[in-house]
Structure formats: C-alpha cells, structure tokens
Amino acid sequence: MNDLFLFISDTSNDLNDLKQWAGSTYTGEIKYIAKQAVHDKNIITANGTASMEFAKEVLLALKVASEDQIMQWYNFHKLGYDHAPMPKM
C-alpha cells in the first residue's frame, strides 16, 4: 500500500508533519501538492481545514451535477453568495 503514494498526487496539513508522523512509510513527497484539496486517479485528499474543498472534489469526481452547478454550490457555501449573474427583468 505504501507504493500507492508513488503514483498519485496528494496533500495534507503540512508535508513536514506528514513525513514526521508517517516516517519512512510515506514515500510520496515527489507528488505532494501544497493545496487545500487534491484529486488524482479517483483518490481525493485534503488538509484539515478544507472540508468545502474536499466536498467539491467529491462532487466533481462523482459527476452528480455539471461542473458549473457544483462551482455555484461551492461558491455559495464557501463565500456566502453566488457569482451567477442576475436574470434580466
């Protein structure tokens, strides 16, 4: 299972903490991305403060709606409003 991280990009709270806690069992430093959430090959990882980003990546991976609809949902819940244009009256 340790070799899995050789082939996928991933993230966590901090690479140095991950390496400290996992020790030599973590071998994915070359594919590590310092980002809130990472989706690669149907595996989604996120840091501890990225619940919305993780949910967004899950919804995108499952294709439960269009990317535009998922982004509108994300923007509304993350920012408190949606960037969708007002309809003309």
N, C-alpha and C. Protein backbone atom coordinates (compact mmCIF):
# COMPACT_ATOMS: atom_id res chain seq x y z
N MET A 1 0.82 -1.20 0.00
CA MET A 1 0.00 0.00 0.00
C MET A 1 0.86 1.26 0.00
N ASN A 2 2.01 1.22 0.60
CA ASN A 2 2.86 2.40 0.65
C ASN A 2 3.24 2.89 -0.73
N ASP A 3 3.38 1.97 -1.69
CA ASP A 3 3.75 2.35 -3.04
C ASP A 3 2.66 3.15 -3.75
N LEU A 4 1.45 3.10 -3.22
CA LEU A 4 0.35 3.86 -3.82
C LEU A 4 0.71 5.33 -3.93
N PHE A 5 1.37 5.88 -2.94
CA PHE A 5 1.70 7.30 -2.94
C PHE A 5 2.81 7.65 -3.94
N LEU A 6 3.44 6.67 -4.52
CA LEU A 6 4.41 6.95 -5.57
C LEU A 6 3.71 7.35 -6.86
N PHE A 7 2.43 6.99 -6.99
CA PHE A 7 1.73 7.15 -8.26
C PHE A 7 0.62 8.18 -8.25
N ILE A 8 0.27 8.73 -7.08
CA ILE A 8 -0.80 9.73 -7.03
C ILE A 8 -0.32 11.01 -6.37
N SER A 9 -0.92 12.10 -6.77
CA SER A 9 -0.67 13.37 -6.09
C SER A 9 -1.54 13.41 -4.84
N ASP A 10 -1.05 14.03 -3.79
CA ASP A 10 -1.79 14.09 -2.54
C ASP A 10 -1.44 15.37 -1.79
N THR A 11 -2.19 15.61 -0.71
CA THR A 11 -1.93 16.76 0.14
C THR A 11 -2.21 16.39 1.59
N SER A 12 -1.89 17.28 2.48
CA SER A 12 -2.17 17.11 3.91
C SER A 12 -2.06 18.49 4.56
N ASN A 13 -2.06 18.53 5.87
CA ASN A 13 -1.91 19.82 6.55
C ASN A 13 -0.54 20.43 6.29
N ASP A 14 0.49 19.59 6.27
CA ASP A 14 1.85 20.08 6.06
C ASP A 14 2.75 18.90 5.71
N LEU A 15 3.54 19.03 4.69
CA LEU A 15 4.41 17.94 4.26
C LEU A 15 5.38 17.52 5.36
N ASN A 16 5.97 18.47 6.06
CA ASN A 16 6.92 18.11 7.12
C ASN A 16 6.25 17.33 8.24
N ASP A 17 5.03 17.72 8.62
CA ASP A 17 4.30 16.96 9.64
C ASP A 17 3.98 15.55 9.14
N LEU A 18 3.56 15.46 7.90
CA LEU A 18 3.25 14.15 7.31
C LEU A 18 4.46 13.24 7.34
N LYS A 19 5.59 13.78 6.93
CA LYS A 19 6.82 12.98 6.94
C LYS A 19 7.24 12.61 8.36
N GLN A 20 7.02 13.52 9.31
CA GLN A 20 7.39 13.23 10.70
C GLN A 20 6.51 12.11 11.27
N TRP A 21 5.19 12.21 11.06
CA TRP A 21 4.28 11.23 11.64
C TRP A 21 4.30 9.90 10.90
N ALA A 22 4.43 9.92 9.59
CA ALA A 22 4.40 8.68 8.82
C ALA A 22 5.79 8.04 8.71
N GLY A 23 6.81 8.84 8.90
CA GLY A 23 8.16 8.31 8.82
C GLY A 23 8.48 7.79 7.43
N SER A 24 9.19 6.70 7.38
CA SER A 24 9.62 6.15 6.09
C SER A 24 8.49 5.50 5.31
N THR A 25 7.31 5.34 5.92
CA THR A 25 6.19 4.74 5.19
C THR A 25 5.58 5.71 4.18
N TYR A 26 5.80 7.00 4.34
CA TYR A 26 5.33 7.97 3.35
C TYR A 26 6.42 8.15 2.31
N THR A 27 6.11 7.77 1.08
CA THR A 27 7.10 7.83 0.01
C THR A 27 6.65 8.73 -1.14
N GLY A 28 5.64 9.56 -0.90
CA GLY A 28 5.07 10.33 -1.99
C GLY A 28 5.48 11.79 -2.06
N GLU A 29 6.57 12.15 -1.44
CA GLU A 29 6.97 13.56 -1.40
C GLU A 29 7.07 14.18 -2.79
N ILE A 30 7.52 13.43 -3.76
CA ILE A 30 7.70 13.97 -5.11
C ILE A 30 6.36 14.36 -5.74
N LYS A 31 5.25 13.74 -5.32
CA LYS A 31 3.94 14.03 -5.89
C LYS A 31 3.08 14.88 -4.94
N TYR A 32 3.65 15.30 -3.82
CA TYR A 32 2.91 16.10 -2.84
C TYR A 32 2.61 17.49 -3.41
N ILE A 33 1.38 17.96 -3.20
CA ILE A 33 0.98 19.30 -3.64
C ILE A 33 0.46 20.08 -2.43
N ALA A 34 1.03 21.23 -2.16
CA ALA A 34 0.59 22.07 -1.05
C ALA A 34 -0.66 22.83 -1.50
N LYS A 35 -1.80 22.22 -1.31
CA LYS A 35 -3.08 22.76 -1.78
C LYS A 35 -4.16 22.28 -0.81
N GLN A 36 -5.28 22.98 -0.75
CA GLN A 36 -6.37 22.60 0.15
C GLN A 36 -6.87 21.19 -0.11
N ALA A 37 -7.13 20.86 -1.36
CA ALA A 37 -7.61 19.52 -1.72
C ALA A 37 -7.00 19.12 -3.05
N VAL A 38 -6.73 17.83 -3.19
CA VAL A 38 -6.13 17.29 -4.40
C VAL A 38 -6.92 16.06 -4.82
N HIS A 39 -7.24 15.98 -6.12
CA HIS A 39 -7.95 14.84 -6.69
C HIS A 39 -7.08 14.27 -7.79
N ASP A 40 -6.69 13.02 -7.63
CA ASP A 40 -5.85 12.36 -8.63
C ASP A 40 -6.20 10.88 -8.68
N LYS A 41 -6.52 10.39 -9.86
CA LYS A 41 -6.81 8.97 -10.07
C LYS A 41 -7.88 8.45 -9.10
N ASN A 42 -8.95 9.18 -8.95
CA ASN A 42 -10.08 8.81 -8.09
C ASN A 42 -9.73 8.73 -6.61
N ILE A 43 -8.63 9.34 -6.22
CA ILE A 43 -8.29 9.46 -4.81
C ILE A 43 -8.27 10.95 -4.48
N ILE A 44 -8.99 11.31 -3.42
CA ILE A 44 -9.10 12.71 -3.01
C ILE A 44 -8.51 12.85 -1.62
N THR A 45 -7.59 13.79 -1.49
CA THR A 45 -7.02 14.10 -0.19
C THR A 45 -7.22 15.58 0.09
N ALA A 46 -7.28 15.93 1.36
CA ALA A 46 -7.46 17.33 1.74
C ALA A 46 -6.82 17.57 3.09
N ASN A 47 -6.53 18.84 3.35
CA ASN A 47 -6.00 19.15 4.68
C ASN A 47 -7.14 19.33 5.66
N GLY A 48 -6.82 19.51 6.91
CA GLY A 48 -7.82 19.56 7.96
C GLY A 48 -8.76 20.74 7.94
N THR A 49 -8.44 21.77 7.18
CA THR A 49 -9.30 22.95 7.12
C THR A 49 -10.07 23.04 5.80
N ALA A 50 -10.05 21.98 5.02
CA ALA A 50 -10.58 22.05 3.66
C ALA A 50 -11.84 21.20 3.46
N SER A 51 -12.77 21.27 4.37
CA SER A 51 -13.97 20.44 4.22
C SER A 51 -14.77 20.82 2.98
N MET A 52 -14.88 22.09 2.67
CA MET A 52 -15.63 22.51 1.48
C MET A 52 -14.90 22.10 0.21
N GLU A 53 -13.59 22.24 0.19
CA GLU A 53 -12.81 21.87 -0.98
C GLU A 53 -12.87 20.36 -1.20
N PHE A 54 -12.83 19.60 -0.10
CA PHE A 54 -12.94 18.14 -0.19
C PHE A 54 -14.30 17.76 -0.76
N ALA A 55 -15.37 18.36 -0.24
CA ALA A 55 -16.72 18.07 -0.73
C ALA A 55 -16.85 18.42 -2.20
N LYS A 56 -16.29 19.55 -2.60
CA LYS A 56 -16.33 19.96 -4.01
C LYS A 56 -15.66 18.91 -4.89
N GLU A 57 -14.49 18.44 -4.48
CA GLU A 57 -13.77 17.44 -5.27
C GLU A 57 -14.53 16.12 -5.34
N VAL A 58 -15.20 15.74 -4.25
CA VAL A 58 -16.01 14.52 -4.25
C VAL A 58 -17.17 14.67 -5.23
N LEU A 59 -17.87 15.81 -5.17
CA LEU A 59 -18.99 16.05 -6.09
C LEU A 59 -18.53 16.05 -7.54
N LEU A 60 -17.40 16.66 -7.81
CA LEU A 60 -16.86 16.67 -9.17
C LEU A 60 -16.49 15.26 -9.63
N ALA A 61 -15.88 14.48 -8.74
CA ALA A 61 -15.48 13.12 -9.09
C ALA A 61 -16.69 12.23 -9.37
N LEU A 62 -17.75 12.43 -8.59
CA LEU A 62 -18.96 11.63 -8.77
C LEU A 62 -19.84 12.12 -9.91
N LYS A 63 -19.54 13.33 -10.40
CA LYS A 63 -20.30 13.93 -11.50
C LYS A 63 -21.80 13.96 -11.19
N VAL A 64 -22.12 14.42 -9.97
CA VAL A 64 -23.52 14.48 -9.55
C VAL A 64 -24.27 15.63 -10.19
N ALA A 65 -23.55 16.58 -10.74
CA ALA A 65 -24.13 17.74 -11.43
C ALA A 65 -23.06 18.28 -12.37
N SER A 66 -23.42 19.28 -13.15
CA SER A 66 -22.43 19.88 -14.03
C SER A 66 -21.36 20.59 -13.20
N GLU A 67 -20.20 20.78 -13.80
CA GLU A 67 -19.12 21.47 -13.09
C GLU A 67 -19.56 22.88 -12.69
N ASP A 68 -20.30 23.54 -13.57
CA ASP A 68 -20.80 24.88 -13.26
C ASP A 68 -21.73 24.87 -12.05
N GLN A 69 -22.64 23.90 -11.98
CA GLN A 69 -23.56 23.82 -10.84
C GLN A 69 -22.80 23.52 -9.54
N ILE A 70 -21.82 22.65 -9.62
CA ILE A 70 -21.03 22.33 -8.43
C ILE A 70 -20.24 23.55 -7.97
N MET A 71 -19.69 24.30 -8.91
CA MET A 71 -18.95 25.50 -8.55
C MET A 71 -19.88 26.56 -7.96
N GLN A 72 -21.09 26.68 -8.46
CA GLN A 72 -22.06 27.61 -7.87
C GLN A 72 -22.38 27.19 -6.44
N TRP A 73 -22.59 25.90 -6.22
CA TRP A 73 -22.85 25.38 -4.87
C TRP A 73 -21.66 25.71 -3.96
N TYR A 74 -20.45 25.42 -4.45
CA TYR A 74 -19.25 25.67 -3.66
C TYR A 74 -19.11 27.16 -3.32
N ASN A 75 -19.25 28.02 -4.32
CA ASN A 75 -19.10 29.46 -4.08
C ASN A 75 -20.14 29.96 -3.09
N PHE A 76 -21.37 29.48 -3.20
CA PHE A 76 -22.40 29.92 -2.28
C PHE A 76 -22.06 29.52 -0.85
N HIS A 77 -21.65 28.27 -0.65
CA HIS A 77 -21.38 27.79 0.70
C HIS A 77 -20.03 28.26 1.24
N LYS A 78 -19.07 28.47 0.39
CA LYS A 78 -17.75 28.93 0.83
C LYS A 78 -17.72 30.43 1.04
N LEU A 79 -18.33 31.17 0.12
CA LEU A 79 -18.24 32.62 0.14
C LEU A 79 -19.49 33.30 0.69
N GLY A 80 -20.59 32.55 0.77
CA GLY A 80 -21.83 33.13 1.27
C GLY A 80 -22.69 33.77 0.20
N TYR A 81 -22.23 33.68 -1.04
CA TYR A 81 -23.01 34.22 -2.15
C TYR A 81 -22.57 33.50 -3.42
N ASP A 82 -23.35 33.69 -4.47
CA ASP A 82 -23.05 33.06 -5.74
C ASP A 82 -22.70 34.14 -6.75
N HIS A 83 -21.78 33.85 -7.63
CA HIS A 83 -21.38 34.81 -8.66
C HIS A 83 -22.27 34.79 -9.88
N ALA A 84 -23.34 34.01 -9.86
CA ALA A 84 -24.20 33.90 -11.03
C ALA A 84 -24.81 35.26 -11.34
N PRO A 85 -24.87 35.61 -12.61
CA PRO A 85 -25.45 36.92 -12.98
C PRO A 85 -26.94 36.98 -12.67
N MET A 86 -27.40 38.16 -12.36
CA MET A 86 -28.84 38.36 -12.12
C MET A 86 -29.58 38.23 -13.44
N PRO A 87 -30.74 37.58 -13.43
CA PRO A 87 -31.50 37.50 -14.68
C PRO A 87 -32.04 38.86 -15.08
N LYS A 88 -32.13 39.07 -16.39
CA LYS A 88 -32.67 40.35 -16.88
C LYS A 88 -34.17 40.38 -16.62
N MET A 89 -34.64 41.57 -16.24
CA MET A 89 -36.07 41.72 -15.95
C MET A 89 -36.71 42.60 -16.98
